[in-house]
Amino acid sequence: MKKLLCLALALLPLATGCAHREVVAYAPPPAYSEAARQGYGDGARAAQHDIRNGLHPDVDRHPRFRNPPVPPPLRDDYRHGFRDGYAQVMHGGSGY
């Protein structure tokens, strides 16, 4: 009985998996405009959401990409950042 208990305790870490999570920070390149930085962060979060929910990668699915929360002159910058942040997470990069 004692041997069985020792064996069970020895194998417990293998059964429970790793106890700590890896945290990866995704940061935009320093040269990005404020709108592109905002888009990058939103894109990274959108990709993480898609991964968590097992969704096929599609940047166009996200409302913030289709209708950026910035003034019209900044929309292209925002979308550029969003697309880059999304791709960075989807390709498993570690950020800049």
Protein backbone atom coordinates (compact mmCIF):
# COMPACT_ATOMS: atom_id res chain seq x y z
CA MET A 1 0.00 0.00 0.00
CA LYS A 2 2.83 2.36 0.92
CA LYS A 3 4.55 1.69 -2.43
CA LEU A 4 1.34 2.48 -4.31
CA LEU A 5 0.94 5.77 -2.44
CA CYS A 6 4.55 6.75 -3.16
CA LEU A 7 4.11 5.91 -6.83
CA ALA A 8 0.91 7.97 -7.02
CA LEU A 9 2.63 10.95 -5.37
CA ALA A 10 5.60 10.64 -7.71
CA LEU A 11 3.37 10.67 -10.78
CA LEU A 12 1.10 13.48 -9.56
CA PRO A 13 3.09 16.30 -11.20
CA LEU A 14 2.84 14.53 -14.55
CA ALA A 15 -0.92 14.16 -14.24
CA THR A 16 -1.59 17.78 -13.29
CA GLY A 17 0.60 19.43 -15.92
CA CYS A 18 2.58 22.59 -15.57
CA ALA A 19 1.41 24.85 -12.76
CA HIS A 20 2.59 28.16 -14.20
CA ARG A 21 1.50 29.96 -17.32
CA GLU A 22 3.81 31.63 -19.76
CA VAL A 23 2.97 35.29 -20.20
CA VAL A 24 3.98 36.83 -23.50
CA ALA A 25 3.78 40.57 -24.01
CA TYR A 26 3.15 41.81 -27.52
CA ALA A 27 4.38 45.35 -28.05
CA PRO A 28 4.25 47.39 -31.25
CA PRO A 29 7.43 48.70 -32.84
CA PRO A 30 8.53 52.05 -31.36
CA ALA A 31 8.02 53.94 -34.63
CA TYR A 32 4.25 53.27 -34.73
CA SER A 33 1.82 56.17 -34.44
CA GLU A 34 -0.57 56.24 -31.48
CA ALA A 35 -3.41 54.92 -33.69
CA ALA A 36 -1.20 52.08 -34.96
CA ARG A 37 -0.19 51.22 -31.38
CA GLN A 38 -3.83 51.04 -30.36
CA GLY A 39 -4.58 48.87 -33.39
CA TYR A 40 -1.64 46.59 -32.63
CA GLY A 41 -2.87 45.93 -29.09
CA ASP A 42 -6.44 45.39 -30.26
CA GLY A 43 -5.24 43.03 -33.00
CA ALA A 44 -3.14 41.01 -30.56
CA ARG A 45 -6.12 40.66 -28.20
CA ALA A 46 -8.39 39.67 -31.12
CA ALA A 47 -5.95 36.94 -32.18
CA GLN A 48 -5.70 35.64 -28.61
CA HIS A 49 -9.51 35.51 -28.50
CA ASP A 50 -9.60 33.55 -31.78
CA ILE A 51 -6.98 31.09 -30.54
CA ARG A 52 -8.76 30.56 -27.20
CA ASN A 53 -12.04 29.88 -29.01
CA GLY A 54 -10.56 27.69 -31.75
CA LEU A 55 -11.60 30.07 -34.53
CA HIS A 56 -10.02 30.13 -37.97
CA PRO A 57 -7.69 33.17 -38.29
CA ASP A 58 -9.55 36.02 -39.99
CA VAL A 59 -8.70 39.62 -39.20
CA ASP A 60 -11.73 40.85 -41.15
CA ARG A 61 -14.10 39.11 -38.71
CA HIS A 62 -13.35 41.64 -35.97
CA PRO A 63 -15.57 44.71 -35.64
CA ARG A 64 -12.70 46.92 -34.46
CA PHE A 65 -10.79 46.11 -37.66
CA ARG A 66 -13.80 46.78 -39.87
CA ASN A 67 -14.82 49.94 -37.96
CA PRO A 68 -11.74 51.33 -36.19
CA PRO A 69 -12.39 53.38 -33.03
CA VAL A 70 -10.29 56.28 -34.34
CA PRO A 71 -11.01 59.35 -36.47
CA PRO A 72 -11.27 58.66 -40.25
CA PRO A 73 -7.81 60.05 -41.15
CA LEU A 74 -6.18 57.54 -38.76
CA ARG A 75 -8.06 54.42 -39.84
CA ASP A 76 -5.37 53.13 -42.20
CA ASP A 77 -2.72 53.42 -39.46
CA TYR A 78 -5.01 51.67 -36.99
CA ARG A 79 -5.76 48.83 -39.43
CA HIS A 80 -2.07 48.43 -40.25
CA GLY A 81 -1.27 48.07 -36.54
CA PHE A 82 -4.25 45.75 -35.96
CA ARG A 83 -3.16 43.46 -38.79
CA ASP A 84 0.45 43.39 -37.51
CA GLY A 85 -0.59 42.65 -33.91
CA TYR A 86 -2.96 39.92 -35.05
CA ALA A 87 -0.28 38.32 -37.24
CA GLN A 88 2.34 38.53 -34.48
CA VAL A 89 0.18 36.50 -32.11
CA MET A 90 -1.02 34.06 -34.78
CA HIS A 91 2.55 33.30 -35.85
CA GLY A 92 3.65 32.80 -32.24
CA GLY A 93 6.17 35.61 -32.20
CA SER A 94 7.38 37.09 -28.96
CA GLY A 95 6.65 40.70 -29.84
CA TYR A 96 9.11 43.48 -30.48
